[in-house]
C-alpha cells in the first residue's frame, strides 16, 4: 500500500476509541454535555474517514433508493 493512510482501518480504530472514551466517561461521572460533544465529533470523524476509505479503495458510494 506504500505511504498511504488506510482510512478504513483508522475509522474502525477511532470508532472503538470513542466508545471506550464514552464508557469511561460515564463510569467516572464526567459531564454529559462534554461526552455528547466527544461522541458527535468522534463518530462524525469516523463516518468521514470511512467515506474517504471507500473512495481510496475505489468502491462506489452507496446509492439512495428512489422511492417517494
N, C-alpha and C. Protein backbone atom coordinates (compact mmCIF):
# COMPACT_ATOMS: atom_id res chain seq x y z
N UNK A 1 0.82 -1.19 0.00
CA UNK A 1 0.00 0.00 0.00
C UNK A 1 0.87 1.25 0.00
N UNK A 2 2.11 1.12 0.34
CA UNK A 2 3.01 2.27 0.25
C UNK A 2 2.86 3.22 1.42
N UNK A 3 2.90 4.50 1.11
CA UNK A 3 2.86 5.51 2.16
C UNK A 3 1.47 6.11 2.36
N UNK A 4 0.42 5.46 1.87
CA UNK A 4 -0.94 5.96 2.05
C UNK A 4 -1.47 5.57 3.43
N UNK A 5 -2.35 6.40 3.95
CA UNK A 5 -3.03 6.10 5.21
C UNK A 5 -4.24 5.23 4.89
N UNK A 6 -4.43 4.16 5.64
CA UNK A 6 -5.60 3.30 5.45
C UNK A 6 -6.74 3.90 6.28
N UNK A 7 -7.59 4.70 5.64
CA UNK A 7 -8.65 5.39 6.35
C UNK A 7 -9.73 4.45 6.86
N UNK A 8 -9.92 3.31 6.21
CA UNK A 8 -10.90 2.35 6.71
C UNK A 8 -10.46 1.80 8.07
N UNK A 9 -9.19 1.46 8.18
CA UNK A 9 -8.66 0.98 9.46
C UNK A 9 -8.71 2.09 10.51
N UNK A 10 -8.39 3.30 10.10
CA UNK A 10 -8.42 4.44 11.01
C UNK A 10 -9.84 4.66 11.55
N UNK A 11 -10.85 4.48 10.70
CA UNK A 11 -12.24 4.65 11.12
C UNK A 11 -12.63 3.59 12.15
N UNK A 12 -12.19 2.36 11.95
CA UNK A 12 -12.51 1.29 12.90
C UNK A 12 -11.85 1.55 14.25
N UNK A 13 -10.59 1.95 14.23
CA UNK A 13 -9.87 2.22 15.48
C UNK A 13 -10.48 3.43 16.19
N UNK A 14 -10.82 4.47 15.45
CA UNK A 14 -11.41 5.66 16.05
C UNK A 14 -12.77 5.34 16.66
N UNK A 15 -13.57 4.53 15.97
CA UNK A 15 -14.88 4.15 16.47
C UNK A 15 -14.76 3.42 17.80
N UNK A 16 -13.84 2.48 17.88
CA UNK A 16 -13.63 1.75 19.14
C UNK A 16 -13.09 2.68 20.23
N UNK A 17 -12.20 3.58 19.85
CA UNK A 17 -11.63 4.51 20.82
C UNK A 17 -12.68 5.45 21.41
N UNK A 18 -13.57 5.94 20.56
CA UNK A 18 -14.62 6.83 21.04
C UNK A 18 -15.56 6.07 21.98
N UNK A 19 -15.85 4.83 21.67
CA UNK A 19 -16.71 4.02 22.54
C UNK A 19 -16.09 3.85 23.92
N UNK A 20 -14.79 3.57 23.96
CA UNK A 20 -14.10 3.40 25.24
C UNK A 20 -14.08 4.72 26.02
N UNK A 21 -13.85 5.82 25.34
CA UNK A 21 -13.83 7.13 26.00
C UNK A 21 -15.20 7.44 26.59
N UNK A 22 -16.27 7.18 25.83
CA UNK A 22 -17.61 7.48 26.32
C UNK A 22 -17.99 6.59 27.50
N UNK A 23 -17.68 5.30 27.43
CA UNK A 23 -17.98 4.41 28.55
C UNK A 23 -17.18 4.79 29.79
N UNK A 24 -15.91 5.11 29.60
CA UNK A 24 -15.08 5.54 30.72
C UNK A 24 -15.58 6.83 31.33
N UNK A 25 -16.04 7.74 30.49
CA UNK A 25 -16.58 9.00 30.98
C UNK A 25 -17.85 8.80 31.79
N UNK A 26 -18.69 7.87 31.34
CA UNK A 26 -19.91 7.58 32.11
C UNK A 26 -19.57 6.96 33.46
N UNK A 27 -18.60 6.06 33.47
CA UNK A 27 -18.20 5.40 34.72
C UNK A 27 -17.59 6.41 35.69
N UNK A 28 -16.77 7.33 35.17
CA UNK A 28 -16.09 8.31 36.02
C UNK A 28 -16.98 9.50 36.38
N UNK A 29 -18.13 9.63 35.73
CA UNK A 29 -19.06 10.71 36.05
C UNK A 29 -18.71 12.04 35.43
N UNK A 30 -18.15 12.03 34.24
CA UNK A 30 -17.83 13.27 33.53
C UNK A 30 -19.12 13.92 33.04
N UNK A 31 -19.11 15.22 32.90
CA UNK A 31 -20.27 16.00 32.48
C UNK A 31 -20.87 15.41 31.19
N UNK A 32 -22.17 15.09 31.18
CA UNK A 32 -22.80 14.50 29.99
C UNK A 32 -22.72 15.38 28.75
N UNK A 33 -22.74 16.70 28.91
CA UNK A 33 -22.65 17.58 27.74
C UNK A 33 -21.29 17.41 27.05
N UNK A 34 -20.24 17.25 27.82
CA UNK A 34 -18.92 17.03 27.24
C UNK A 34 -18.85 15.68 26.53
N UNK A 35 -19.48 14.66 27.12
CA UNK A 35 -19.49 13.35 26.49
C UNK A 35 -20.28 13.36 25.18
N UNK A 36 -21.36 14.13 25.15
CA UNK A 36 -22.14 14.24 23.91
C UNK A 36 -21.30 14.89 22.82
N UNK A 37 -20.56 15.95 23.17
CA UNK A 37 -19.71 16.61 22.18
C UNK A 37 -18.62 15.66 21.68
N UNK A 38 -18.01 14.91 22.59
CA UNK A 38 -16.98 13.94 22.20
C UNK A 38 -17.58 12.90 21.27
N UNK A 39 -18.77 12.41 21.59
CA UNK A 39 -19.42 11.40 20.77
C UNK A 39 -19.76 11.90 19.38
N UNK A 40 -20.33 13.09 19.30
CA UNK A 40 -20.71 13.65 17.99
C UNK A 40 -19.47 13.88 17.13
N UNK A 41 -18.45 14.49 17.70
CA UNK A 41 -17.22 14.74 16.93
C UNK A 41 -16.52 13.44 16.55
N UNK A 42 -16.40 12.53 17.49
CA UNK A 42 -15.70 11.27 17.23
C UNK A 42 -16.38 10.42 16.19
N UNK A 43 -17.69 10.23 16.35
CA UNK A 43 -18.40 9.39 15.38
C UNK A 43 -18.54 10.10 14.03
N UNK A 44 -18.63 11.43 14.04
CA UNK A 44 -18.65 12.17 12.77
C UNK A 44 -17.35 11.99 12.00
N UNK A 45 -16.23 12.06 12.73
CA UNK A 45 -14.93 11.83 12.08
C UNK A 45 -14.81 10.40 11.58
N UNK A 46 -15.36 9.45 12.34
CA UNK A 46 -15.32 8.05 11.93
C UNK A 46 -16.08 7.85 10.62
N UNK A 47 -17.25 8.48 10.49
CA UNK A 47 -18.03 8.38 9.25
C UNK A 47 -17.26 9.01 8.10
N UNK A 48 -16.65 10.16 8.35
CA UNK A 48 -15.87 10.84 7.31
C UNK A 48 -14.70 9.97 6.85
N UNK A 49 -13.98 9.38 7.80
CA UNK A 49 -12.84 8.52 7.44
C UNK A 49 -13.30 7.28 6.69
N UNK A 50 -14.47 6.74 7.05
CA UNK A 50 -14.99 5.57 6.35
C UNK A 50 -15.29 5.93 4.89
N UNK A 51 -15.86 7.11 4.66
CA UNK A 51 -16.14 7.55 3.28
C UNK A 51 -14.85 7.76 2.50
N UNK A 52 -13.86 8.38 3.12
CA UNK A 52 -12.58 8.58 2.45
C UNK A 52 -11.95 7.23 2.12
N UNK A 53 -12.06 6.28 3.04
CA UNK A 53 -11.52 4.94 2.80
C UNK A 53 -12.20 4.24 1.64
N UNK A 54 -13.52 4.42 1.51
CA UNK A 54 -14.23 3.81 0.38
C UNK A 54 -13.78 4.45 -0.93
N UNK A 55 -13.59 5.77 -0.93
CA UNK A 55 -13.10 6.43 -2.15
C UNK A 55 -11.69 5.98 -2.48
N UNK A 56 -10.87 5.81 -1.46
CA UNK A 56 -9.48 5.39 -1.65
C UNK A 56 -9.43 3.98 -2.24
N UNK A 57 -10.37 3.12 -1.84
CA UNK A 57 -10.39 1.74 -2.33
C UNK A 57 -11.08 1.64 -3.69
N UNK A 58 -11.70 2.71 -4.14
CA UNK A 58 -12.37 2.70 -5.43
C UNK A 58 -13.75 2.08 -5.39
N UNK A 59 -14.36 2.02 -4.21
CA UNK A 59 -15.70 1.46 -4.06
C UNK A 59 -16.70 2.59 -4.31
N UNK A 60 -17.71 2.31 -5.13
CA UNK A 60 -18.71 3.32 -5.45
C UNK A 60 -19.52 3.66 -4.20
N UNK A 61 -19.96 4.92 -4.08
CA UNK A 61 -20.78 5.29 -2.93
C UNK A 61 -22.11 4.55 -2.95
N UNK A 62 -22.69 4.38 -1.77
CA UNK A 62 -23.97 3.69 -1.68
C UNK A 62 -25.04 4.52 -2.36
N UNK A 63 -25.87 3.86 -3.19
CA UNK A 63 -26.93 4.58 -3.89
C UNK A 63 -28.14 4.70 -2.98
N UNK A 64 -28.80 5.83 -3.07
CA UNK A 64 -30.00 6.06 -2.27
C UNK A 64 -31.20 5.55 -3.05
N UNK A 65 -32.17 5.02 -2.33
CA UNK A 65 -33.36 4.50 -3.02
C UNK A 65 -34.17 5.65 -3.59
N UNK A 66 -34.84 5.39 -4.70
CA UNK A 66 -35.59 6.45 -5.38
C UNK A 66 -37.08 6.34 -5.11
N UNK A 67 -37.46 5.64 -4.03
CA UNK A 67 -38.88 5.55 -3.68
C UNK A 67 -39.32 6.86 -3.06
N UNK A 68 -40.49 7.32 -3.47
CA UNK A 68 -41.04 8.56 -2.91
C UNK A 68 -42.47 8.39 -2.56
